[in-house]
ModelCIF file with pLDDT and N, C-alpha, C, O atoms, coordinates in Angstrom:
data_MODEL
#
_entry.id   MODEL 
#
_entity.id                         1 
_entity.type                       polymer 
_entity.pdbx_number_of_molecules   1 
#
_entity_poly.entity_id                      1 
_entity_poly.type                           'polypeptide(L)' 
_entity_poly.nstd_linkage                   no 
_entity_poly.nstd_monomer                   no 
_entity_poly.pdbx_seq_one_letter_code       MKTGEKTWELHQFIMRHYKKNPQNPIKNFSFFKDKIESGVKHTYK 
_entity_poly.pdbx_seq_one_letter_code_can   MKTGEKTWELHQFIMRHYKKNPQNPIKNFSFFKDKIESGVKHTYK 
_entity_poly.pdbx_strand_id                 A 
#
loop_
_entity_poly_seq.entity_id 
_entity_poly_seq.num 
_entity_poly_seq.mon_id 
_entity_poly_seq.hetero 
1 1  MET n 
1 2  LYS n 
1 3  THR n 
1 4  GLY n 
1 5  GLU n 
1 6  LYS n 
1 7  THR n 
1 8  TRP n 
1 9  GLU n 
1 10 LEU n 
1 11 HIS n 
1 12 GLN n 
1 13 PHE n 
1 14 ILE n 
1 15 MET n 
1 16 ARG n 
1 17 HIS n 
1 18 TYR n 
1 19 LYS n 
1 20 LYS n 
1 21 ASN n 
1 22 PRO n 
1 23 GLN n 
1 24 ASN n 
1 25 PRO n 
1 26 ILE n 
1 27 LYS n 
1 28 ASN n 
1 29 PHE n 
1 30 SER n 
1 31 PHE n 
1 32 PHE n 
1 33 LYS n 
1 34 ASP n 
1 35 LYS n 
1 36 ILE n 
1 37 GLU n 
1 38 SER n 
1 39 GLY n 
1 40 VAL n 
1 41 LYS n 
1 42 HIS n 
1 43 THR n 
1 44 TYR n 
1 45 LYS n 
#
_struct_asym.id          A 
_struct_asym.entity_id   1 
#
loop_
_ma_qa_metric.id 
_ma_qa_metric.mode 
_ma_qa_metric.name 
_ma_qa_metric.software_group_id 
_ma_qa_metric.type 
1 global pLDDT . pLDDT 
2 local  pLDDT . pLDDT 
#
_ma_qa_metric_global.metric_id      1 
_ma_qa_metric_global.metric_value   45.07 
_ma_qa_metric_global.model_id       1 
_ma_qa_metric_global.ordinal_id     1 
#
loop_
_ma_qa_metric_local.label_asym_id 
_ma_qa_metric_local.label_comp_id 
_ma_qa_metric_local.label_seq_id 
_ma_qa_metric_local.metric_id 
_ma_qa_metric_local.metric_value 
_ma_qa_metric_local.model_id 
_ma_qa_metric_local.ordinal_id 
A MET 1  2 35.00 1 1  
A LYS 2  2 38.00 1 2  
A THR 3  2 35.00 1 3  
A GLY 4  2 39.00 1 4  
A GLU 5  2 41.00 1 5  
A LYS 6  2 41.00 1 6  
A THR 7  2 42.00 1 7  
A TRP 8  2 43.00 1 8  
A GLU 9  2 49.00 1 9  
A LEU 10 2 52.00 1 10 
A HIS 11 2 50.00 1 11 
A GLN 12 2 54.00 1 12 
A PHE 13 2 57.00 1 13 
A ILE 14 2 57.00 1 14 
A MET 15 2 57.00 1 15 
A ARG 16 2 59.00 1 16 
A HIS 17 2 57.00 1 17 
A TYR 18 2 55.00 1 18 
A LYS 19 2 57.00 1 19 
A LYS 20 2 59.00 1 20 
A ASN 21 2 59.00 1 21 
A PRO 22 2 53.00 1 22 
A GLN 23 2 53.00 1 23 
A ASN 24 2 53.00 1 24 
A PRO 25 2 51.00 1 25 
A ILE 26 2 48.00 1 26 
A LYS 27 2 46.00 1 27 
A ASN 28 2 41.00 1 28 
A PHE 29 2 39.00 1 29 
A SER 30 2 37.00 1 30 
A PHE 31 2 36.00 1 31 
A PHE 32 2 43.00 1 32 
A LYS 33 2 43.00 1 33 
A ASP 34 2 41.00 1 34 
A LYS 35 2 43.00 1 35 
A ILE 36 2 45.00 1 36 
A GLU 37 2 43.00 1 37 
A SER 38 2 40.00 1 38 
A GLY 39 2 39.00 1 39 
A VAL 40 2 37.00 1 40 
A LYS 41 2 35.00 1 41 
A HIS 42 2 29.00 1 42 
A THR 43 2 28.00 1 43 
A TYR 44 2 30.00 1 44 
A LYS 45 2 39.00 1 45 
#
loop_
_atom_site.group_PDB 
_atom_site.id 
_atom_site.type_symbol 
_atom_site.label_atom_id 
_atom_site.label_alt_id 
_atom_site.label_comp_id 
_atom_site.label_asym_id 
_atom_site.label_entity_id 
_atom_site.label_seq_id 
_atom_site.pdbx_PDB_ins_code 
_atom_site.Cartn_x 
_atom_site.Cartn_y 
_atom_site.Cartn_z 
_atom_site.occupancy 
_atom_site.B_iso_or_equiv 
_atom_site.pdbx_formal_charge 
_atom_site.auth_seq_id 
_atom_site.auth_comp_id 
_atom_site.auth_asym_id 
_atom_site.auth_atom_id 
_atom_site.pdbx_PDB_model_num 
ATOM 1   N N  . MET A 1 1  ? 70.461 7.340   62.751 1.00 35.00 ? 1  MET A N  1 
ATOM 2   C CA . MET A 1 1  ? 70.452 7.802   61.336 1.00 35.00 ? 1  MET A CA 1 
ATOM 3   C C  . MET A 1 1  ? 68.975 8.284   60.843 1.00 35.00 ? 1  MET A C  1 
ATOM 4   O O  . MET A 1 1  ? 67.937 7.699   61.151 1.00 35.00 ? 1  MET A O  1 
ATOM 5   N N  . LYS A 1 2  ? 69.047 9.344   60.100 1.00 38.00 ? 2  LYS A N  1 
ATOM 6   C CA . LYS A 1 2  ? 67.524 10.109  59.728 1.00 38.00 ? 2  LYS A CA 1 
ATOM 7   C C  . LYS A 1 2  ? 66.983 9.259   58.765 1.00 38.00 ? 2  LYS A C  1 
ATOM 8   O O  . LYS A 1 2  ? 67.587 8.483   58.025 1.00 38.00 ? 2  LYS A O  1 
ATOM 9   N N  . THR A 1 3  ? 65.568 9.519   58.860 1.00 35.00 ? 3  THR A N  1 
ATOM 10  C CA . THR A 1 3  ? 65.029 8.785   57.783 1.00 35.00 ? 3  THR A CA 1 
ATOM 11  C C  . THR A 1 3  ? 65.351 9.362   56.302 1.00 35.00 ? 3  THR A C  1 
ATOM 12  O O  . THR A 1 3  ? 65.434 10.558  56.026 1.00 35.00 ? 3  THR A O  1 
ATOM 13  N N  . GLY A 1 4  ? 65.503 8.377   55.484 1.00 39.00 ? 4  GLY A N  1 
ATOM 14  C CA . GLY A 1 4  ? 66.168 8.593   53.827 1.00 39.00 ? 4  GLY A CA 1 
ATOM 15  C C  . GLY A 1 4  ? 67.505 8.299   53.861 1.00 39.00 ? 4  GLY A C  1 
ATOM 16  O O  . GLY A 1 4  ? 67.984 7.604   52.965 1.00 39.00 ? 4  GLY A O  1 
ATOM 17  N N  . GLU A 1 5  ? 68.167 8.711   54.734 1.00 41.00 ? 5  GLU A N  1 
ATOM 18  C CA . GLU A 1 5  ? 69.843 8.353   54.728 1.00 41.00 ? 5  GLU A CA 1 
ATOM 19  C C  . GLU A 1 5  ? 70.211 6.826   54.434 1.00 41.00 ? 5  GLU A C  1 
ATOM 20  O O  . GLU A 1 5  ? 71.208 6.574   53.757 1.00 41.00 ? 5  GLU A O  1 
ATOM 21  N N  . LYS A 1 6  ? 69.520 5.958   54.870 1.00 41.00 ? 6  LYS A N  1 
ATOM 22  C CA . LYS A 1 6  ? 69.887 4.480   54.491 1.00 41.00 ? 6  LYS A CA 1 
ATOM 23  C C  . LYS A 1 6  ? 69.417 4.385   53.301 1.00 41.00 ? 6  LYS A C  1 
ATOM 24  O O  . LYS A 1 6  ? 70.191 3.858   52.501 1.00 41.00 ? 6  LYS A O  1 
ATOM 25  N N  . THR A 1 7  ? 68.297 4.750   52.854 1.00 42.00 ? 7  THR A N  1 
ATOM 26  C CA . THR A 1 7  ? 67.636 4.769   51.497 1.00 42.00 ? 7  THR A CA 1 
ATOM 27  C C  . THR A 1 7  ? 68.785 5.231   50.291 1.00 42.00 ? 7  THR A C  1 
ATOM 28  O O  . THR A 1 7  ? 69.085 4.636   49.256 1.00 42.00 ? 7  THR A O  1 
ATOM 29  N N  . TRP A 1 8  ? 69.254 6.410   50.793 1.00 43.00 ? 8  TRP A N  1 
ATOM 30  C CA . TRP A 1 8  ? 70.433 7.106   49.836 1.00 43.00 ? 8  TRP A CA 1 
ATOM 31  C C  . TRP A 1 8  ? 71.491 6.251   49.885 1.00 43.00 ? 8  TRP A C  1 
ATOM 32  O O  . TRP A 1 8  ? 71.999 6.036   48.785 1.00 43.00 ? 8  TRP A O  1 
ATOM 33  N N  . GLU A 1 9  ? 71.988 5.690   50.827 1.00 49.00 ? 9  GLU A N  1 
ATOM 34  C CA . GLU A 1 9  ? 73.193 4.727   50.696 1.00 49.00 ? 9  GLU A CA 1 
ATOM 35  C C  . GLU A 1 9  ? 72.778 3.690   49.861 1.00 49.00 ? 9  GLU A C  1 
ATOM 36  O O  . GLU A 1 9  ? 73.545 3.294   48.983 1.00 49.00 ? 9  GLU A O  1 
ATOM 37  N N  . LEU A 1 10 ? 71.580 3.151   50.021 1.00 52.00 ? 10 LEU A N  1 
ATOM 38  C CA . LEU A 1 10 ? 71.237 2.025   49.083 1.00 52.00 ? 10 LEU A CA 1 
ATOM 39  C C  . LEU A 1 10 ? 71.278 2.598   47.470 1.00 52.00 ? 10 LEU A C  1 
ATOM 40  O O  . LEU A 1 10 ? 71.907 1.969   46.618 1.00 52.00 ? 10 LEU A O  1 
ATOM 41  N N  . HIS A 1 11 ? 70.642 3.688   47.185 1.00 50.00 ? 11 HIS A N  1 
ATOM 42  C CA . HIS A 1 11 ? 70.548 3.912   45.883 1.00 50.00 ? 11 HIS A CA 1 
ATOM 43  C C  . HIS A 1 11 ? 72.123 4.281   45.342 1.00 50.00 ? 11 HIS A C  1 
ATOM 44  O O  . HIS A 1 11 ? 72.347 4.181   44.136 1.00 50.00 ? 11 HIS A O  1 
ATOM 45  N N  . GLN A 1 12 ? 72.937 4.604   46.041 1.00 54.00 ? 12 GLN A N  1 
ATOM 46  C CA . GLN A 1 12 ? 74.486 4.833   45.703 1.00 54.00 ? 12 GLN A CA 1 
ATOM 47  C C  . GLN A 1 12 ? 75.153 3.518   45.384 1.00 54.00 ? 12 GLN A C  1 
ATOM 48  O O  . GLN A 1 12 ? 75.912 3.290   44.442 1.00 54.00 ? 12 GLN A O  1 
ATOM 49  N N  . PHE A 1 13 ? 74.719 2.643   46.382 1.00 57.00 ? 13 PHE A N  1 
ATOM 50  C CA . PHE A 1 13 ? 75.380 1.021   46.327 1.00 57.00 ? 13 PHE A CA 1 
ATOM 51  C C  . PHE A 1 13 ? 74.985 0.622   45.040 1.00 57.00 ? 13 PHE A C  1 
ATOM 52  O O  . PHE A 1 13 ? 75.867 0.111   44.350 1.00 57.00 ? 13 PHE A O  1 
ATOM 53  N N  . ILE A 1 14 ? 73.695 0.756   44.487 1.00 57.00 ? 14 ILE A N  1 
ATOM 54  C CA . ILE A 1 14 ? 73.447 0.292   43.049 1.00 57.00 ? 14 ILE A CA 1 
ATOM 55  C C  . ILE A 1 14 ? 74.153 0.976   42.081 1.00 57.00 ? 14 ILE A C  1 
ATOM 56  O O  . ILE A 1 14 ? 74.736 0.400   41.162 1.00 57.00 ? 14 ILE A O  1 
ATOM 57  N N  . MET A 1 15 ? 74.134 2.225   42.241 1.00 57.00 ? 15 MET A N  1 
ATOM 58  C CA . MET A 1 15 ? 74.967 3.053   41.301 1.00 57.00 ? 15 MET A CA 1 
ATOM 59  C C  . MET A 1 15 ? 76.509 2.647   41.061 1.00 57.00 ? 15 MET A C  1 
ATOM 60  O O  . MET A 1 15 ? 77.002 2.384   39.964 1.00 57.00 ? 15 MET A O  1 
ATOM 61  N N  . ARG A 1 16 ? 77.180 2.649   42.320 1.00 59.00 ? 16 ARG A N  1 
ATOM 62  C CA . ARG A 1 16 ? 78.408 2.216   42.258 1.00 59.00 ? 16 ARG A CA 1 
ATOM 63  C C  . ARG A 1 16 ? 78.795 0.741   41.960 1.00 59.00 ? 16 ARG A C  1 
ATOM 64  O O  . ARG A 1 16 ? 79.941 0.444   41.623 1.00 59.00 ? 16 ARG A O  1 
ATOM 65  N N  . HIS A 1 17 ? 77.824 -0.150  42.091 1.00 57.00 ? 17 HIS A N  1 
ATOM 66  C CA . HIS A 1 17 ? 78.041 -1.538  41.478 1.00 57.00 ? 17 HIS A CA 1 
ATOM 67  C C  . HIS A 1 17 ? 78.125 -1.518  40.204 1.00 57.00 ? 17 HIS A C  1 
ATOM 68  O O  . HIS A 1 17 ? 79.021 -2.114  39.607 1.00 57.00 ? 17 HIS A O  1 
ATOM 69  N N  . TYR A 1 18 ? 76.962 -0.653  39.467 1.00 55.00 ? 18 TYR A N  1 
ATOM 70  C CA . TYR A 1 18 ? 76.804 -0.570  37.954 1.00 55.00 ? 18 TYR A CA 1 
ATOM 71  C C  . TYR A 1 18 ? 77.993 -0.031  37.448 1.00 55.00 ? 18 TYR A C  1 
ATOM 72  O O  . TYR A 1 18 ? 78.532 -0.563  36.477 1.00 55.00 ? 18 TYR A O  1 
ATOM 73  N N  . LYS A 1 19 ? 78.549 1.132   38.079 1.00 57.00 ? 19 LYS A N  1 
ATOM 74  C CA . LYS A 1 19 ? 79.626 1.818   37.530 1.00 57.00 ? 19 LYS A CA 1 
ATOM 75  C C  . LYS A 1 19 ? 80.806 1.127   37.403 1.00 57.00 ? 19 LYS A C  1 
ATOM 76  O O  . LYS A 1 19 ? 81.514 1.293   36.409 1.00 57.00 ? 19 LYS A O  1 
ATOM 77  N N  . LYS A 1 20 ? 81.215 0.093   38.616 1.00 59.00 ? 20 LYS A N  1 
ATOM 78  C CA . LYS A 1 20 ? 82.442 -0.690  38.755 1.00 59.00 ? 20 LYS A CA 1 
ATOM 79  C C  . LYS A 1 20 ? 82.268 -1.998  37.956 1.00 59.00 ? 20 LYS A C  1 
ATOM 80  O O  . LYS A 1 20 ? 83.278 -2.547  37.515 1.00 59.00 ? 20 LYS A O  1 
ATOM 81  N N  . ASN A 1 21 ? 80.982 -2.561  37.733 1.00 59.00 ? 21 ASN A N  1 
ATOM 82  C CA . ASN A 1 21 ? 80.975 -3.892  37.431 1.00 59.00 ? 21 ASN A CA 1 
ATOM 83  C C  . ASN A 1 21 ? 79.834 -3.930  35.996 1.00 59.00 ? 21 ASN A C  1 
ATOM 84  O O  . ASN A 1 21 ? 78.921 -4.756  35.997 1.00 59.00 ? 21 ASN A O  1 
ATOM 85  N N  . PRO A 1 22 ? 79.979 -3.142  35.047 1.00 53.00 ? 22 PRO A N  1 
ATOM 86  C CA . PRO A 1 22 ? 78.940 -2.988  34.089 1.00 53.00 ? 22 PRO A CA 1 
ATOM 87  C C  . PRO A 1 22 ? 78.897 -4.314  33.273 1.00 53.00 ? 22 PRO A C  1 
ATOM 88  O O  . PRO A 1 22 ? 77.900 -4.424  32.559 1.00 53.00 ? 22 PRO A O  1 
ATOM 89  N N  . GLN A 1 23 ? 79.829 -5.385  33.241 1.00 53.00 ? 23 GLN A N  1 
ATOM 90  C CA . GLN A 1 23 ? 79.694 -6.675  32.524 1.00 53.00 ? 23 GLN A CA 1 
ATOM 91  C C  . GLN A 1 23 ? 79.163 -7.571  33.540 1.00 53.00 ? 23 GLN A C  1 
ATOM 92  O O  . GLN A 1 23 ? 78.886 -8.733  33.240 1.00 53.00 ? 23 GLN A O  1 
ATOM 93  N N  . ASN A 1 24 ? 78.997 -7.115  34.734 1.00 53.00 ? 24 ASN A N  1 
ATOM 94  C CA . ASN A 1 24 ? 78.521 -8.291  35.933 1.00 53.00 ? 24 ASN A CA 1 
ATOM 95  C C  . ASN A 1 24 ? 77.679 -7.702  36.788 1.00 53.00 ? 24 ASN A C  1 
ATOM 96  O O  . ASN A 1 24 ? 77.959 -7.546  37.977 1.00 53.00 ? 24 ASN A O  1 
ATOM 97  N N  . PRO A 1 25 ? 76.636 -7.348  36.280 1.00 51.00 ? 25 PRO A N  1 
ATOM 98  C CA . PRO A 1 25 ? 75.367 -6.583  37.150 1.00 51.00 ? 25 PRO A CA 1 
ATOM 99  C C  . PRO A 1 25 ? 75.029 -7.687  38.162 1.00 51.00 ? 25 PRO A C  1 
ATOM 100 O O  . PRO A 1 25 ? 75.450 -8.833  38.008 1.00 51.00 ? 25 PRO A O  1 
ATOM 101 N N  . ILE A 1 26 ? 74.273 -7.326  39.188 1.00 48.00 ? 26 ILE A N  1 
ATOM 102 C CA . ILE A 1 26 ? 73.664 -8.142  40.313 1.00 48.00 ? 26 ILE A CA 1 
ATOM 103 C C  . ILE A 1 26 ? 72.581 -8.807  39.598 1.00 48.00 ? 26 ILE A C  1 
ATOM 104 O O  . ILE A 1 26 ? 71.734 -8.226  38.920 1.00 48.00 ? 26 ILE A O  1 
ATOM 105 N N  . LYS A 1 27 ? 72.671 -10.178 39.810 1.00 46.00 ? 27 LYS A N  1 
ATOM 106 C CA . LYS A 1 27 ? 71.709 -11.123 39.146 1.00 46.00 ? 27 LYS A CA 1 
ATOM 107 C C  . LYS A 1 27 ? 70.805 -11.782 40.131 1.00 46.00 ? 27 LYS A C  1 
ATOM 108 O O  . LYS A 1 27 ? 69.628 -12.018 39.858 1.00 46.00 ? 27 LYS A O  1 
ATOM 109 N N  . ASN A 1 28 ? 71.340 -12.074 41.252 1.00 41.00 ? 28 ASN A N  1 
ATOM 110 C CA . ASN A 1 28 ? 70.455 -12.677 42.385 1.00 41.00 ? 28 ASN A CA 1 
ATOM 111 C C  . ASN A 1 28 ? 69.831 -11.848 43.104 1.00 41.00 ? 28 ASN A C  1 
ATOM 112 O O  . ASN A 1 28 ? 70.320 -11.334 44.109 1.00 41.00 ? 28 ASN A O  1 
ATOM 113 N N  . PHE A 1 29 ? 68.481 -11.587 42.595 1.00 39.00 ? 29 PHE A N  1 
ATOM 114 C CA . PHE A 1 29 ? 67.643 -10.635 43.648 1.00 39.00 ? 29 PHE A CA 1 
ATOM 115 C C  . PHE A 1 29 ? 67.600 -10.946 45.081 1.00 39.00 ? 29 PHE A C  1 
ATOM 116 O O  . PHE A 1 29 ? 67.634 -10.000 45.869 1.00 39.00 ? 29 PHE A O  1 
ATOM 117 N N  . SER A 1 30 ? 67.516 -12.403 45.616 1.00 37.00 ? 30 SER A N  1 
ATOM 118 C CA . SER A 1 30 ? 67.388 -12.845 46.823 1.00 37.00 ? 30 SER A CA 1 
ATOM 119 C C  . SER A 1 30 ? 68.486 -11.993 47.745 1.00 37.00 ? 30 SER A C  1 
ATOM 120 O O  . SER A 1 30 ? 68.254 -11.265 48.711 1.00 37.00 ? 30 SER A O  1 
ATOM 121 N N  . PHE A 1 31 ? 69.723 -12.321 47.138 1.00 36.00 ? 31 PHE A N  1 
ATOM 122 C CA . PHE A 1 31 ? 70.951 -11.783 47.681 1.00 36.00 ? 31 PHE A CA 1 
ATOM 123 C C  . PHE A 1 31 ? 70.772 -10.328 47.702 1.00 36.00 ? 31 PHE A C  1 
ATOM 124 O O  . PHE A 1 31 ? 71.255 -9.848  48.728 1.00 36.00 ? 31 PHE A O  1 
ATOM 125 N N  . PHE A 1 32 ? 70.310 -9.573  47.019 1.00 43.00 ? 32 PHE A N  1 
ATOM 126 C CA . PHE A 1 32 ? 70.533 -8.338  46.862 1.00 43.00 ? 32 PHE A CA 1 
ATOM 127 C C  . PHE A 1 32 ? 69.448 -7.668  47.926 1.00 43.00 ? 32 PHE A C  1 
ATOM 128 O O  . PHE A 1 32 ? 69.623 -6.654  48.601 1.00 43.00 ? 32 PHE A O  1 
ATOM 129 N N  . LYS A 1 33 ? 68.326 -8.488  47.884 1.00 43.00 ? 33 LYS A N  1 
ATOM 130 C CA . LYS A 1 33 ? 67.310 -8.106  48.774 1.00 43.00 ? 33 LYS A CA 1 
ATOM 131 C C  . LYS A 1 33 ? 67.523 -8.190  50.147 1.00 43.00 ? 33 LYS A C  1 
ATOM 132 O O  . LYS A 1 33 ? 67.060 -7.374  50.944 1.00 43.00 ? 33 LYS A O  1 
ATOM 133 N N  . ASP A 1 34 ? 68.412 -9.438  50.541 1.00 41.00 ? 34 ASP A N  1 
ATOM 134 C CA . ASP A 1 34 ? 68.826 -9.617  51.887 1.00 41.00 ? 34 ASP A CA 1 
ATOM 135 C C  . ASP A 1 34 ? 69.830 -8.615  52.501 1.00 41.00 ? 34 ASP A C  1 
ATOM 136 O O  . ASP A 1 34 ? 70.029 -8.402  53.697 1.00 41.00 ? 34 ASP A O  1 
ATOM 137 N N  . LYS A 1 35 ? 70.508 -7.963  51.271 1.00 43.00 ? 35 LYS A N  1 
ATOM 138 C CA . LYS A 1 35 ? 71.405 -7.034  51.695 1.00 43.00 ? 35 LYS A CA 1 
ATOM 139 C C  . LYS A 1 35 ? 70.909 -5.853  52.039 1.00 43.00 ? 35 LYS A C  1 
ATOM 140 O O  . LYS A 1 35 ? 71.568 -5.127  52.783 1.00 43.00 ? 35 LYS A O  1 
ATOM 141 N N  . ILE A 1 36 ? 69.823 -5.506  51.620 1.00 45.00 ? 36 ILE A N  1 
ATOM 142 C CA . ILE A 1 36 ? 69.061 -4.198  51.804 1.00 45.00 ? 36 ILE A CA 1 
ATOM 143 C C  . ILE A 1 36 ? 67.971 -4.166  52.588 1.00 45.00 ? 36 ILE A C  1 
ATOM 144 O O  . ILE A 1 36 ? 67.615 -3.070  53.020 1.00 45.00 ? 36 ILE A O  1 
ATOM 145 N N  . GLU A 1 37 ? 67.266 -5.288  52.908 1.00 43.00 ? 37 GLU A N  1 
ATOM 146 C CA . GLU A 1 37 ? 65.774 -5.359  53.422 1.00 43.00 ? 37 GLU A CA 1 
ATOM 147 C C  . GLU A 1 37 ? 65.856 -4.825  54.779 1.00 43.00 ? 37 GLU A C  1 
ATOM 148 O O  . GLU A 1 37 ? 65.034 -3.986  55.148 1.00 43.00 ? 37 GLU A O  1 
ATOM 149 N N  . SER A 1 38 ? 66.710 -5.210  55.489 1.00 40.00 ? 38 SER A N  1 
ATOM 150 C CA . SER A 1 38 ? 66.511 -4.949  57.199 1.00 40.00 ? 38 SER A CA 1 
ATOM 151 C C  . SER A 1 38 ? 66.813 -3.384  57.305 1.00 40.00 ? 38 SER A C  1 
ATOM 152 O O  . SER A 1 38 ? 66.353 -2.726  58.238 1.00 40.00 ? 38 SER A O  1 
ATOM 153 N N  . GLY A 1 39 ? 67.594 -2.825  56.321 1.00 39.00 ? 39 GLY A N  1 
ATOM 154 C CA . GLY A 1 39 ? 67.848 -1.367  56.770 1.00 39.00 ? 39 GLY A CA 1 
ATOM 155 C C  . GLY A 1 39 ? 67.044 -0.285  55.892 1.00 39.00 ? 39 GLY A C  1 
ATOM 156 O O  . GLY A 1 39 ? 67.091 0.930   56.085 1.00 39.00 ? 39 GLY A O  1 
ATOM 157 N N  . VAL A 1 40 ? 66.275 -0.956  54.864 1.00 37.00 ? 40 VAL A N  1 
ATOM 158 C CA . VAL A 1 40 ? 65.320 -0.069  54.205 1.00 37.00 ? 40 VAL A CA 1 
ATOM 159 C C  . VAL A 1 40 ? 63.774 -0.300  54.125 1.00 37.00 ? 40 VAL A C  1 
ATOM 160 O O  . VAL A 1 40 ? 62.897 0.507   54.433 1.00 37.00 ? 40 VAL A O  1 
ATOM 161 N N  . LYS A 1 41 ? 63.635 -1.489  53.679 1.00 35.00 ? 41 LYS A N  1 
ATOM 162 C CA . LYS A 1 41 ? 62.365 -1.806  53.321 1.00 35.00 ? 41 LYS A CA 1 
ATOM 163 C C  . LYS A 1 41 ? 61.642 -1.797  54.269 1.00 35.00 ? 41 LYS A C  1 
ATOM 164 O O  . LYS A 1 41 ? 60.595 -1.300  53.853 1.00 35.00 ? 41 LYS A O  1 
ATOM 165 N N  . HIS A 1 42 ? 61.503 -2.094  55.555 1.00 29.00 ? 42 HIS A N  1 
ATOM 166 C CA . HIS A 1 42 ? 60.683 -2.048  56.709 1.00 29.00 ? 42 HIS A CA 1 
ATOM 167 C C  . HIS A 1 42 ? 60.805 -0.809  57.561 1.00 29.00 ? 42 HIS A C  1 
ATOM 168 O O  . HIS A 1 42 ? 59.904 -0.484  58.334 1.00 29.00 ? 42 HIS A O  1 
ATOM 169 N N  . THR A 1 43 ? 61.893 -0.133  57.423 1.00 28.00 ? 43 THR A N  1 
ATOM 170 C CA . THR A 1 43 ? 62.235 0.912   58.217 1.00 28.00 ? 43 THR A CA 1 
ATOM 171 C C  . THR A 1 43 ? 62.022 2.314   57.820 1.00 28.00 ? 43 THR A C  1 
ATOM 172 O O  . THR A 1 43 ? 61.590 3.153   58.611 1.00 28.00 ? 43 THR A O  1 
ATOM 173 N N  . TYR A 1 44 ? 62.325 2.570   56.591 1.00 30.00 ? 44 TYR A N  1 
ATOM 174 C CA . TYR A 1 44 ? 62.365 3.953   55.881 1.00 30.00 ? 44 TYR A CA 1 
ATOM 175 C C  . TYR A 1 44 ? 61.359 3.838   54.727 1.00 30.00 ? 44 TYR A C  1 
ATOM 176 O O  . TYR A 1 44 ? 60.834 2.825   54.265 1.00 30.00 ? 44 TYR A O  1 
ATOM 177 N N  . LYS A 1 45 ? 61.224 5.094   54.383 1.00 39.00 ? 45 LYS A N  1 
ATOM 178 C CA . LYS A 1 45 ? 60.037 5.555   53.543 1.00 39.00 ? 45 LYS A CA 1 
ATOM 179 C C  . LYS A 1 45 ? 60.125 5.276   51.953 1.00 39.00 ? 45 LYS A C  1 
ATOM 180 O O  . LYS A 1 45 ? 59.204 5.622   51.214 1.00 39.00 ? 45 LYS A O  1 
#
């Protein structure tokens, strides 16, 4: 997967979650971070 593609998936994940669950935003940052950190934070730009 090219640089940036995983980041783009992450941004879309955030937007999809908000659109589908506006009354129940992601509250638990540690869960959210675990879900994305290995794919984005330490590998991509």
